[in-house]
């Protein structure tokens, strides 16, 4: 934290559930735009998401941080973990 920062607090991310109800249509739209997801990925994407989220929540629990895997903060952590990673040679799953 920086004194005088205008950055808002993000405490809501610990309370708000991640909305995954539109994952499949969003993936289908990206496929239409040329993103090379495997056929049928929209049907399993939320399962993959939750598997990753449970791993993140578990790792946090090791440090005595208790957060449900379906909270928005978990999605933010997953996003930050991917920044700067080369995914050009990894298949979209």
PDB file of N, CA and C in Angstrom:
ATOM      1  N   UNK A   1       0.843  -1.172   0.000  1.00  0.00           N
ATOM      2  CA  UNK A   1       0.000   0.000   0.000  1.00  0.00           C
ATOM      3  C   UNK A   1       0.888   1.235   0.000  1.00  0.00           C
ATOM      4  N   UNK A   2       0.410   2.233  -0.684  1.00  0.00           N
ATOM      5  CA  UNK A   2       1.139   3.497  -0.751  1.00  0.00           C
ATOM      6  C   UNK A   2       0.278   4.601  -0.169  1.00  0.00           C
ATOM      7  N   UNK A   3       0.873   5.364   0.721  1.00  0.00           N
ATOM      8  CA  UNK A   3       0.153   6.489   1.312  1.00  0.00           C
ATOM      9  C   UNK A   3      -0.270   7.453   0.212  1.00  0.00           C
ATOM     10  N   UNK A   4      -1.517   7.867   0.229  1.00  0.00           N
ATOM     11  CA  UNK A   4      -2.034   8.798  -0.753  1.00  0.00           C
ATOM     12  C   UNK A   4      -2.469   8.154  -2.059  1.00  0.00           C
ATOM     13  N   UNK A   5      -2.397   6.828  -2.129  1.00  0.00           N
ATOM     14  CA  UNK A   5      -2.802   6.135  -3.346  1.00  0.00           C
ATOM     15  C   UNK A   5      -4.296   6.321  -3.591  1.00  0.00           C
ATOM     16  N   UNK A   6      -4.660   6.448  -4.855  1.00  0.00           N
ATOM     17  CA  UNK A   6      -6.076   6.550  -5.199  1.00  0.00           C
ATOM     18  C   UNK A   6      -6.647   5.186  -5.588  1.00  0.00           C
ATOM     19  N   UNK A   7      -5.831   4.160  -5.444  1.00  0.00           N
ATOM     20  CA  UNK A   7      -6.271   2.800  -5.763  1.00  0.00           C
ATOM     21  C   UNK A   7      -7.381   2.399  -4.802  1.00  0.00           C
ATOM     22  N   UNK A   8      -8.483   1.899  -5.331  1.00  0.00           N
ATOM     23  CA  UNK A   8      -9.581   1.509  -4.440  1.00  0.00           C
ATOM     24  C   UNK A   8      -9.266   0.228  -3.682  1.00  0.00           C
ATOM     25  N   UNK A   9      -9.990   0.006  -2.626  1.00  0.00           N
ATOM     26  CA  UNK A   9      -9.871  -1.252  -1.886  1.00  0.00           C
ATOM     27  C   UNK A   9     -10.570  -2.347  -2.685  1.00  0.00           C
ATOM     28  N   UNK A  10     -10.071  -3.538  -2.622  1.00  0.00           N
ATOM     29  CA  UNK A  10     -10.657  -4.640  -3.368  1.00  0.00           C
ATOM     30  C   UNK A  10     -11.173  -5.734  -2.435  1.00  0.00           C
ATOM     31  N   UNK A  11     -11.623  -5.357  -1.260  1.00  0.00           N
ATOM     32  CA  UNK A  11     -12.119  -6.336  -0.296  1.00  0.00           C
ATOM     33  C   UNK A  11     -13.297  -7.121  -0.839  1.00  0.00           C
ATOM     34  N   UNK A  12     -14.067  -6.527  -1.749  1.00  0.00           N
ATOM     35  CA  UNK A  12     -15.216  -7.233  -2.328  1.00  0.00           C
ATOM     36  C   UNK A  12     -14.805  -8.511  -3.043  1.00  0.00           C
ATOM     37  N   UNK A  13     -13.584  -8.548  -3.515  1.00  0.00           N
ATOM     38  CA  UNK A  13     -13.124  -9.738  -4.233  1.00  0.00           C
ATOM     39  C   UNK A  13     -13.010 -10.956  -3.318  1.00  0.00           C
ATOM     40  N   UNK A  14     -12.907 -10.724  -2.031  1.00  0.00           N
ATOM     41  CA  UNK A  14     -12.891 -11.828  -1.063  1.00  0.00           C
ATOM     42  C   UNK A  14     -14.302 -12.323  -0.766  1.00  0.00           C
ATOM     43  N   UNK A  15     -15.300 -11.479  -1.033  1.00  0.00           N
ATOM     44  CA  UNK A  15     -16.687 -11.826  -0.714  1.00  0.00           C
ATOM     45  C   UNK A  15     -17.496 -12.252  -1.933  1.00  0.00           C
ATOM     46  N   UNK A  16     -17.248 -11.624  -3.085  1.00  0.00           N
ATOM     47  CA  UNK A  16     -18.069 -11.872  -4.269  1.00  0.00           C
ATOM     48  C   UNK A  16     -17.673 -13.169  -4.961  1.00  0.00           C
ATOM     49  N   UNK A  17     -18.696 -13.925  -5.351  1.00  0.00           N
ATOM     50  CA  UNK A  17     -18.471 -15.156  -6.101  1.00  0.00           C
ATOM     51  C   UNK A  17     -18.159 -14.832  -7.559  1.00  0.00           C
ATOM     52  N   UNK A  18     -17.301 -15.626  -8.149  1.00  0.00           N
ATOM     53  CA  UNK A  18     -16.979 -15.504  -9.555  1.00  0.00           C
ATOM     54  C   UNK A  18     -18.175 -15.990 -10.373  1.00  0.00           C
ATOM     55  N   UNK A  19     -18.601 -15.201 -11.346  1.00  0.00           N
ATOM     56  CA  UNK A  19     -19.727 -15.577 -12.200  1.00  0.00           C
ATOM     57  C   UNK A  19     -19.190 -16.354 -13.398  1.00  0.00           C
ATOM     58  N   UNK A  20     -19.454 -17.637 -13.438  1.00  0.00           N
ATOM     59  CA  UNK A  20     -18.990 -18.477 -14.538  1.00  0.00           C
ATOM     60  C   UNK A  20     -20.138 -18.883 -15.467  1.00  0.00           C
ATOM     61  N   UNK A  21     -21.280 -18.224 -15.313  1.00  0.00           N
ATOM     62  CA  UNK A  21     -22.457 -18.610 -16.092  1.00  0.00           C
ATOM     63  C   UNK A  21     -22.315 -18.318 -17.586  1.00  0.00           C
ATOM     64  N   UNK A  22     -21.419 -17.423 -17.957  1.00  0.00           N
ATOM     65  CA  UNK A  22     -21.267 -17.088 -19.377  1.00  0.00           C
ATOM     66  C   UNK A  22     -19.960 -17.601 -19.980  1.00  0.00           C
ATOM     67  N   UNK A  23     -19.284 -18.491 -19.268  1.00  0.00           N
ATOM     68  CA  UNK A  23     -17.999 -18.996 -19.772  1.00  0.00           C
ATOM     69  C   UNK A  23     -18.146 -19.657 -21.133  1.00  0.00           C
ATOM     70  N   UNK A  24     -19.095 -20.571 -21.274  1.00  0.00           N
ATOM     71  CA  UNK A  24     -19.237 -21.311 -22.533  1.00  0.00           C
ATOM     72  C   UNK A  24     -19.536 -20.384 -23.705  1.00  0.00           C
ATOM     73  N   UNK A  25     -20.514 -19.467 -23.603  1.00  0.00           N
ATOM     74  CA  UNK A  25     -20.737 -18.583 -24.761  1.00  0.00           C
ATOM     75  C   UNK A  25     -19.548 -17.678 -25.072  1.00  0.00           C
ATOM     76  N   UNK A  26     -18.808 -17.274 -24.058  1.00  0.00           N
ATOM     77  CA  UNK A  26     -17.629 -16.442 -24.307  1.00  0.00           C
ATOM     78  C   UNK A  26     -16.562 -17.240 -25.052  1.00  0.00           C
ATOM     79  N   UNK A  27     -16.360 -18.476 -24.661  1.00  0.00           N
ATOM     80  CA  UNK A  27     -15.379 -19.325 -25.347  1.00  0.00           C
ATOM     81  C   UNK A  27     -15.827 -19.581 -26.784  1.00  0.00           C
ATOM     82  N   UNK A  28     -17.109 -19.853 -26.972  1.00  0.00           N
ATOM     83  CA  UNK A  28     -17.616 -20.065 -28.334  1.00  0.00           C
ATOM     84  C   UNK A  28     -17.437 -18.821 -29.192  1.00  0.00           C
ATOM     85  N   UNK A  29     -17.615 -17.646 -28.614  1.00  0.00           N
ATOM     86  CA  UNK A  29     -17.385 -16.403 -29.358  1.00  0.00           C
ATOM     87  C   UNK A  29     -15.913 -16.275 -29.742  1.00  0.00           C
ATOM     88  N   UNK A  30     -15.019 -16.630 -28.817  1.00  0.00           N
ATOM     89  CA  UNK A  30     -13.586 -16.547 -29.125  1.00  0.00           C
ATOM     90  C   UNK A  30     -13.197 -17.548 -30.202  1.00  0.00           C
ATOM     91  N   UNK A  31     -13.821 -18.732 -30.179  1.00  0.00           N
ATOM     92  CA  UNK A  31     -13.568 -19.724 -31.237  1.00  0.00           C
ATOM     93  C   UNK A  31     -13.979 -19.142 -32.585  1.00  0.00           C
ATOM     94  N   UNK A  32     -15.132 -18.473 -32.622  1.00  0.00           N
ATOM     95  CA  UNK A  32     -15.603 -17.836 -33.850  1.00  0.00           C
ATOM     96  C   UNK A  32     -14.603 -16.798 -34.353  1.00  0.00           C
ATOM     97  N   UNK A  33     -13.912 -16.144 -33.424  1.00  0.00           N
ATOM     98  CA  UNK A  33     -12.918 -15.131 -33.781  1.00  0.00           C
ATOM     99  C   UNK A  33     -11.556 -15.725 -34.129  1.00  0.00           C
ATOM    100  N   UNK A  34     -11.421 -17.052 -33.979  1.00  0.00           N
ATOM    101  CA  UNK A  34     -10.185 -17.703 -34.387  1.00  0.00           C
ATOM    102  C   UNK A  34      -9.286 -18.197 -33.278  1.00  0.00           C
ATOM    103  N   UNK A  35      -9.702 -18.075 -32.019  1.00  0.00           N
ATOM    104  CA  UNK A  35      -8.888 -18.612 -30.928  1.00  0.00           C
ATOM    105  C   UNK A  35      -8.928 -20.147 -31.029  1.00  0.00           C
ATOM    106  N   UNK A  36      -7.771 -20.791 -31.065  1.00  0.00           N
ATOM    107  CA  UNK A  36      -7.737 -22.238 -31.340  1.00  0.00           C
ATOM    108  C   UNK A  36      -7.990 -23.136 -30.127  1.00  0.00           C
ATOM    109  N   UNK A  37      -9.129 -22.968 -29.484  1.00  0.00           N
ATOM    110  CA  UNK A  37      -9.497 -23.883 -28.405  1.00  0.00           C
ATOM    111  C   UNK A  37      -9.853 -25.234 -28.999  1.00  0.00           C
ATOM    112  N   UNK A  38      -9.629 -26.290 -28.220  1.00  0.00           N
ATOM    113  CA  UNK A  38     -10.029 -27.624 -28.656  1.00  0.00           C
ATOM    114  C   UNK A  38     -11.545 -27.690 -28.765  1.00  0.00           C
ATOM    115  N   UNK A  39     -12.020 -28.528 -29.678  1.00  0.00           N
ATOM    116  CA  UNK A  39     -13.460 -28.700 -29.849  1.00  0.00           C
ATOM    117  C   UNK A  39     -14.086 -29.141 -28.524  1.00  0.00           C
ATOM    118  N   UNK A  40     -15.177 -28.506 -28.138  1.00  0.00           N
ATOM    119  CA  UNK A  40     -15.879 -28.859 -26.918  1.00  0.00           C
ATOM    120  C   UNK A  40     -15.298 -28.259 -25.652  1.00  0.00           C
ATOM    121  N   UNK A  41     -14.291 -27.390 -25.789  1.00  0.00           N
ATOM    122  CA  UNK A  41     -13.667 -26.822 -24.593  1.00  0.00           C
ATOM    123  C   UNK A  41     -14.658 -26.033 -23.747  1.00  0.00           C
ATOM    124  N   UNK A  42     -15.605 -25.375 -24.387  1.00  0.00           N
ATOM    125  CA  UNK A  42     -16.598 -24.609 -23.638  1.00  0.00           C
ATOM    126  C   UNK A  42     -17.360 -25.467 -22.639  1.00  0.00           C
ATOM    127  N   UNK A  43     -17.505 -26.747 -22.956  1.00  0.00           N
ATOM    128  CA  UNK A  43     -18.232 -27.655 -22.069  1.00  0.00           C
ATOM    129  C   UNK A  43     -17.434 -28.049 -20.828  1.00  0.00           C
ATOM    130  N   UNK A  44     -16.120 -27.958 -20.890  1.00  0.00           N
ATOM    131  CA  UNK A  44     -15.293 -28.390 -19.762  1.00  0.00           C
ATOM    132  C   UNK A  44     -14.507 -27.254 -19.107  1.00  0.00           C
ATOM    133  N   UNK A  45     -14.614 -26.052 -19.665  1.00  0.00           N
ATOM    134  CA  UNK A  45     -13.812 -24.920 -19.184  1.00  0.00           C
ATOM    135  C   UNK A  45     -14.033 -24.634 -17.710  1.00  0.00           C
ATOM    136  N   UNK A  46     -15.292 -24.636 -17.272  1.00  0.00           N
ATOM    137  CA  UNK A  46     -15.548 -24.334 -15.858  1.00  0.00           C
ATOM    138  C   UNK A  46     -14.989 -25.412 -14.943  1.00  0.00           C
ATOM    139  N   UNK A  47     -14.951 -26.656 -15.395  1.00  0.00           N
ATOM    140  CA  UNK A  47     -14.332 -27.711 -14.584  1.00  0.00           C
ATOM    141  C   UNK A  47     -12.832 -27.451 -14.441  1.00  0.00           C
ATOM    142  N   UNK A  48     -12.181 -27.055 -15.538  1.00  0.00           N
ATOM    143  CA  UNK A  48     -10.756 -26.727 -15.481  1.00  0.00           C
ATOM    144  C   UNK A  48     -10.511 -25.521 -14.579  1.00  0.00           C
ATOM    145  N   UNK A  49     -11.383 -24.530 -14.708  1.00  0.00           N
ATOM    146  CA  UNK A  49     -11.277 -23.335 -13.884  1.00  0.00           C
ATOM    147  C   UNK A  49     -11.349 -23.693 -12.408  1.00  0.00           C
ATOM    148  N   UNK A  50     -12.316 -24.521 -12.043  1.00  0.00           N
ATOM    149  CA  UNK A  50     -12.496 -24.867 -10.634  1.00  0.00           C
ATOM    150  C   UNK A  50     -11.343 -25.723 -10.112  1.00  0.00           C
ATOM    151  N   UNK A  51     -10.798 -26.572 -10.952  1.00  0.00           N
ATOM    152  CA  UNK A  51      -9.635 -27.372 -10.550  1.00  0.00           C
ATOM    153  C   UNK A  51      -8.453 -26.462 -10.216  1.00  0.00           C
ATOM    154  N   UNK A  52      -8.205 -25.480 -11.080  1.00  0.00           N
ATOM    155  CA  UNK A  52      -7.123 -24.522 -10.830  1.00  0.00           C
ATOM    156  C   UNK A  52      -7.431 -23.699  -9.581  1.00  0.00           C
ATOM    157  N   UNK A  53      -8.677 -23.265  -9.432  1.00  0.00           N
ATOM    158  CA  UNK A  53      -9.072 -22.439  -8.288  1.00  0.00           C
ATOM    159  C   UNK A  53      -8.890 -23.188  -6.969  1.00  0.00           C
ATOM    160  N   UNK A  54      -9.221 -24.454  -6.960  1.00  0.00           N
ATOM    161  CA  UNK A  54      -9.040 -25.252  -5.740  1.00  0.00           C
ATOM    162  C   UNK A  54      -7.563 -25.353  -5.368  1.00  0.00           C
ATOM    163  N   UNK A  55      -6.708 -25.468  -6.377  1.00  0.00           N
ATOM    164  CA  UNK A  55      -5.266 -25.503  -6.118  1.00  0.00           C
ATOM    165  C   UNK A  55      -4.759 -24.197  -5.531  1.00  0.00           C
ATOM    166  N   UNK A  56      -5.241 -23.086  -6.054  1.00  0.00           N
ATOM    167  CA  UNK A  56      -4.838 -21.777  -5.533  1.00  0.00           C
ATOM    168  C   UNK A  56      -5.330 -21.619  -4.097  1.00  0.00           C
ATOM    169  N   UNK A  57      -6.596 -21.971  -3.852  1.00  0.00           N
ATOM    170  CA  UNK A  57      -7.156 -21.857  -2.498  1.00  0.00           C
ATOM    171  C   UNK A  57      -6.386 -22.751  -1.525  1.00  0.00           C
ATOM    172  N   UNK A  58      -6.009 -23.928  -1.970  1.00  0.00           N
ATOM    173  CA  UNK A  58      -5.236 -24.831  -1.111  1.00  0.00           C
ATOM    174  C   UNK A  58      -3.882 -24.213  -0.768  1.00  0.00           C
ATOM    175  N   UNK A  59      -3.192 -23.670  -1.781  1.00  0.00           N
ATOM    176  CA  UNK A  59      -1.889 -23.045  -1.532  1.00  0.00           C
ATOM    177  C   UNK A  59      -2.007 -21.876  -0.570  1.00  0.00           C
ATOM    178  N   UNK A  60      -3.080 -21.108  -0.675  1.00  0.00           N
ATOM    179  CA  UNK A  60      -3.296 -20.013   0.276  1.00  0.00           C
ATOM    180  C   UNK A  60      -3.522 -20.551   1.682  1.00  0.00           C
ATOM    181  N   UNK A  61      -4.232 -21.670   1.783  1.00  0.00           N
ATOM    182  CA  UNK A  61      -4.528 -22.235   3.103  1.00  0.00           C
ATOM    183  C   UNK A  61      -3.263 -22.686   3.829  1.00  0.00           C
ATOM    184  N   UNK A  62      -2.245 -23.047   3.081  1.00  0.00           N
ATOM    185  CA  UNK A  62      -0.962 -23.428   3.687  1.00  0.00           C
ATOM    186  C   UNK A  62      -0.397 -22.255   4.489  1.00  0.00           C
ATOM    187  N   UNK A  63      -0.674 -21.043   4.023  1.00  0.00           N
ATOM    188  CA  UNK A  63      -0.234 -19.832   4.723  1.00  0.00           C
ATOM    189  C   UNK A  63      -1.330 -19.268   5.621  1.00  0.00           C
ATOM    190  N   UNK A  64      -2.282 -20.115   5.989  1.00  0.00           N
ATOM    191  CA  UNK A  64      -3.395 -19.743   6.881  1.00  0.00           C
ATOM    192  C   UNK A  64      -4.307 -18.664   6.306  1.00  0.00           C
ATOM    193  N   UNK A  65      -4.385 -18.611   4.971  1.00  0.00           N
ATOM    194  CA  UNK A  65      -5.317 -17.695   4.307  1.00  0.00           C
ATOM    195  C   UNK A  65      -6.462 -18.543   3.789  1.00  0.00           C
ATOM    196  N   UNK A  66      -7.627 -18.358   4.352  1.00  0.00           N
ATOM    197  CA  UNK A  66      -8.793 -19.170   3.994  1.00  0.00           C
ATOM    198  C   UNK A  66      -9.688 -18.398   3.033  1.00  0.00           C
ATOM    199  N   UNK A  67      -9.728 -18.863   1.796  1.00  0.00           N
ATOM    200  CA  UNK A  67     -10.571 -18.250   0.762  1.00  0.00           C
ATOM    201  C   UNK A  67     -11.211 -19.381  -0.035  1.00  0.00           C
ATOM    202  N   UNK A  68     -12.501 -19.273  -0.240  1.00  0.00           N
ATOM    203  CA  UNK A  68     -13.224 -20.255  -1.038  1.00  0.00           C
ATOM    204  C   UNK A  68     -12.747 -20.180  -2.489  1.00  0.00           C
ATOM    205  N   UNK A  69     -12.637 -21.320  -3.176  1.00  0.00           N
ATOM    206  CA  UNK A  69     -12.144 -21.299  -4.553  1.00  0.00           C
ATOM    207  C   UNK A  69     -13.053 -20.573  -5.547  1.00  0.00           C
ATOM    208  N   UNK A  70     -14.292 -20.283  -5.166  1.00  0.00           N
ATOM    209  CA  UNK A  70     -15.198 -19.636  -6.119  1.00  0.00           C
ATOM    210  C   UNK A  70     -15.254 -18.116  -5.947  1.00  0.00           C
ATOM    211  N   UNK A  71     -14.309 -17.535  -5.253  1.00  0.00           N
ATOM    212  CA  UNK A  71     -14.288 -16.090  -5.035  1.00  0.00           C
ATOM    213  C   UNK A  71     -13.504 -15.377  -6.145  1.00  0.00           C
ATOM    214  N   UNK A  72     -13.872 -14.138  -6.420  1.00  0.00           N
ATOM    215  CA  UNK A  72     -13.234 -13.367  -7.480  1.00  0.00           C
ATOM    216  C   UNK A  72     -11.736 -13.195  -7.272  1.00  0.00           C
ATOM    217  N   UNK A  73     -11.284 -13.114  -6.034  1.00  0.00           N
ATOM    218  CA  UNK A  73      -9.858 -12.929  -5.766  1.00  0.00           C
ATOM    219  C   UNK A  73      -9.044 -14.111  -6.289  1.00  0.00           C
ATOM    220  N   UNK A  74      -9.620 -15.289  -6.282  1.00  0.00           N
ATOM    221  CA  UNK A  74      -8.926 -16.469  -6.804  1.00  0.00           C
ATOM    222  C   UNK A  74      -8.702 -16.319  -8.311  1.00  0.00           C
ATOM    223  N   UNK A  75      -9.691 -15.792  -9.019  1.00  0.00           N
ATOM    224  CA  UNK A  75      -9.537 -15.561 -10.462  1.00  0.00           C
ATOM    225  C   UNK A  75      -8.454 -14.516 -10.728  1.00  0.00           C
ATOM    226  N   UNK A  76      -8.388 -13.489  -9.898  1.00  0.00           N
ATOM    227  CA  UNK A  76      -7.343 -12.472 -10.042  1.00  0.00           C
ATOM    228  C   UNK A  76      -5.964 -13.091  -9.842  1.00  0.00           C
ATOM    229  N   UNK A  77      -5.833 -13.946  -8.833  1.00  0.00           N
ATOM    230  CA  UNK A  77      -4.552 -14.615  -8.579  1.00  0.00           C
ATOM    231  C   UNK A  77      -4.173 -15.490  -9.770  1.00  0.00           C
ATOM    232  N   UNK A  78      -5.144 -16.225 -10.318  1.00  0.00           N
ATOM    233  CA  UNK A  78      -4.874 -17.081 -11.478  1.00  0.00           C
ATOM    234  C   UNK A  78      -4.392 -16.234 -12.660  1.00  0.00           C
ATOM    235  N   UNK A  79      -5.021 -15.092 -12.864  1.00  0.00           N
ATOM    236  CA  UNK A  79      -4.620 -14.194 -13.951  1.00  0.00           C
ATOM    237  C   UNK A  79      -3.194 -13.688 -13.734  1.00  0.00           C
ATOM    238  N   UNK A  80      -2.901 -13.242 -12.539  1.00  0.00           N
ATOM    239  CA  UNK A  80      -1.566 -12.699 -12.245  1.00  0.00           C
ATOM    240  C   UNK A  80      -0.489 -13.779 -12.407  1.00  0.00           C
ATOM    241  N   UNK A  81      -0.815 -15.014 -12.047  1.00  0.00           N
ATOM    242  CA  UNK A  81       0.150 -16.100 -12.195  1.00  0.00           C
ATOM    243  C   UNK A  81       0.507 -16.349 -13.656  1.00  0.00           C
ATOM    244  N   UNK A  82      -0.380 -16.007 -14.581  1.00  0.00           N
ATOM    245  CA  UNK A  82      -0.127 -16.238 -16.008  1.00  0.00           C
ATOM    246  C   UNK A  82       0.635 -15.097 -16.677  1.00  0.00           C
ATOM    247  N   UNK A  83       0.649 -13.925 -16.065  1.00  0.00           N
ATOM    248  CA  UNK A  83       1.316 -12.784 -16.689  1.00  0.00           C
ATOM    249  C   UNK A  83       2.781 -13.091 -16.966  1.00  0.00           C
ATOM    250  N   UNK A  84       3.207 -12.767 -18.159  1.00  0.00           N
ATOM    251  CA  UNK A  84       4.603 -12.939 -18.525  1.00  0.00           C
ATOM    252  C   UNK A  84       4.999 -14.359 -18.887  1.00  0.00           C
ATOM    253  N   UNK A  85       4.055 -15.271 -18.887  1.00  0.00           N
ATOM    254  CA  UNK A  85       4.375 -16.656 -19.229  1.00  0.00           C
ATOM    255  C   UNK A  85       4.163 -16.869 -20.723  1.00  0.00           C
ATOM    256  N   UNK A  86       5.096 -17.547 -21.349  1.00  0.00           N
ATOM    257  CA  UNK A  86       4.986 -17.863 -22.759  1.00  0.00           C
ATOM    258  C   UNK A  86       4.038 -19.042 -22.935  1.00  0.00           C
ATOM    259  N   UNK A  87       2.921 -18.797 -23.583  1.00  0.00           N
ATOM    260  CA  UNK A  87       1.965 -19.882 -23.776  1.00  0.00           C
ATOM    261  C   UNK A  87       1.867 -20.294 -25.252  1.00  0.00           C
ATOM    262  N   UNK A  88       2.803 -19.817 -26.088  1.00  0.00           N
ATOM    263  CA  UNK A  88       2.719 -20.081 -27.507  1.00  0.00           C
ATOM    264  C   UNK A  88       2.880 -21.550 -27.846  1.00  0.00           C
ATOM    265  N   UNK A  89       3.584 -22.298 -27.023  1.00  0.00           N
ATOM    266  CA  UNK A  89       3.798 -23.717 -27.313  1.00  0.00           C
ATOM    267  C   UNK A  89       2.937 -24.624 -26.451  1.00  0.00           C
ATOM    268  N   UNK A  90       1.976 -24.056 -25.750  1.00  0.00           N
ATOM    269  CA  UNK A  90       1.102 -24.856 -24.912  1.00  0.00           C
ATOM    270  C   UNK A  90      -0.264 -24.953 -25.563  1.00  0.00           C
ATOM    271  N   UNK A  91      -0.858 -26.149 -25.574  1.00  0.00           N
ATOM    272  CA  UNK A  91      -2.184 -26.287 -26.176  1.00  0.00           C
ATOM    273  C   UNK A  91      -3.248 -25.596 -25.324  1.00  0.00           C
ATOM    274  N   UNK A  92      -4.278 -25.074 -25.990  1.00  0.00           N
ATOM    275  CA  UNK A  92      -5.425 -24.531 -25.281  1.00  0.00           C
ATOM    276  C   UNK A  92      -6.259 -25.715 -24.825  1.00  0.00           C
ATOM    277  N   UNK A  93      -6.587 -25.759 -23.555  1.00  0.00           N
ATOM    278  CA  UNK A  93      -7.385 -26.880 -23.037  1.00  0.00           C
ATOM    279  C   UNK A  93      -8.654 -26.372 -22.439  1.00  0.00           C
TER     280      UNK A  93
END
